[in-house]
Amino acid sequence: MTVNVGTTDRIIRIVVGVVLIALAAAGRIGAWGYIGLLPLATGIFRFCPAYRLFGIQTCAAGKSTHP
């Protein structure tokens, strides 16, 4: 799996994911807030399937998770 999420993008995804999940858990925005699992997962794994589909890469070119 090739890394396609850069550092800034990763931090934003993780923060947004955690905030959405916390708001949903607190009952502030309803159950749809658990959609925050998606940006959280893509931030943790540094891979976004949609980025691959559209040919987007926000990290340095040529990086991969396999040595």
Protein backbone atom coordinates (compact mmCIF):
# COMPACT_ATOMS: atom_id res chain seq x y z
CA MET A 1 0.00 0.00 0.00
CA THR A 2 1.50 3.31 -1.09
CA VAL A 3 1.38 6.28 1.28
CA ASN A 4 -0.56 9.15 -0.29
CA VAL A 5 -1.48 11.36 2.70
CA GLY A 6 1.07 13.97 3.76
CA THR A 7 1.88 15.18 7.27
CA THR A 8 -0.36 18.27 7.33
CA ASP A 9 -3.21 16.39 5.69
CA ARG A 10 -2.73 13.56 8.19
CA ILE A 11 -2.90 15.87 11.23
CA ILE A 12 -6.04 17.57 9.92
CA ARG A 13 -7.74 14.21 9.26
CA ILE A 14 -6.91 12.89 12.72
CA VAL A 15 -8.08 16.04 14.50
CA VAL A 16 -11.33 16.23 12.51
CA GLY A 17 -11.99 12.53 13.07
CA VAL A 18 -11.43 12.72 16.83
CA VAL A 19 -13.58 15.86 17.15
CA LEU A 20 -16.48 14.32 15.20
CA ILE A 21 -16.33 11.09 17.22
CA ALA A 22 -16.16 13.00 20.52
CA LEU A 23 -19.15 15.18 19.56
CA ALA A 24 -21.14 12.10 18.54
CA ALA A 25 -20.22 10.27 21.75
CA ALA A 26 -21.32 13.31 23.78
CA GLY A 27 -24.65 13.39 21.93
CA ARG A 28 -24.05 16.85 20.49
CA ILE A 29 -24.32 16.05 16.76
CA GLY A 30 -26.02 12.67 16.57
CA ALA A 31 -24.85 9.30 15.37
CA TRP A 32 -23.72 10.59 11.96
CA GLY A 33 -20.68 12.04 13.76
CA TYR A 34 -19.21 8.55 13.85
CA ILE A 35 -18.38 9.12 10.19
CA GLY A 36 -15.30 10.66 11.83
CA LEU A 37 -13.92 7.11 11.87
CA LEU A 38 -13.17 7.48 8.17
CA PRO A 39 -10.84 10.52 8.34
CA LEU A 40 -9.33 9.11 11.54
CA ALA A 41 -8.48 5.80 9.84
CA THR A 42 -7.11 7.45 6.69
CA GLY A 43 -4.97 9.73 8.85
CA ILE A 44 -3.61 6.87 10.94
CA PHE A 45 -2.83 4.62 7.97
CA ARG A 46 -1.69 7.53 5.73
CA PHE A 47 -3.65 6.09 2.83
CA CYS A 48 -6.82 7.45 1.24
CA PRO A 49 -8.55 5.28 -1.39
CA ALA A 50 -10.23 8.35 -2.92
CA TYR A 51 -6.83 9.99 -3.40
CA ARG A 52 -5.64 6.92 -5.30
CA LEU A 53 -8.78 6.92 -7.45
CA PHE A 54 -8.25 10.56 -8.45
CA GLY A 55 -4.44 10.41 -8.60
CA ILE A 56 -3.92 12.82 -5.70
CA GLN A 57 -0.90 12.63 -3.40
CA THR A 58 -0.22 15.11 -0.60
CA CYS A 59 3.03 13.55 0.59
CA ALA A 60 6.52 13.42 -0.88
CA ALA A 61 6.56 11.44 -4.13
CA GLY A 62 7.78 7.87 -4.17
CA LYS A 63 7.24 6.99 -0.53
CA SER A 64 5.72 3.64 0.39
CA THR A 65 5.04 1.70 3.57
CA HIS A 66 7.14 -1.23 2.33
CA PRO A 67 10.96 -0.92 2.37
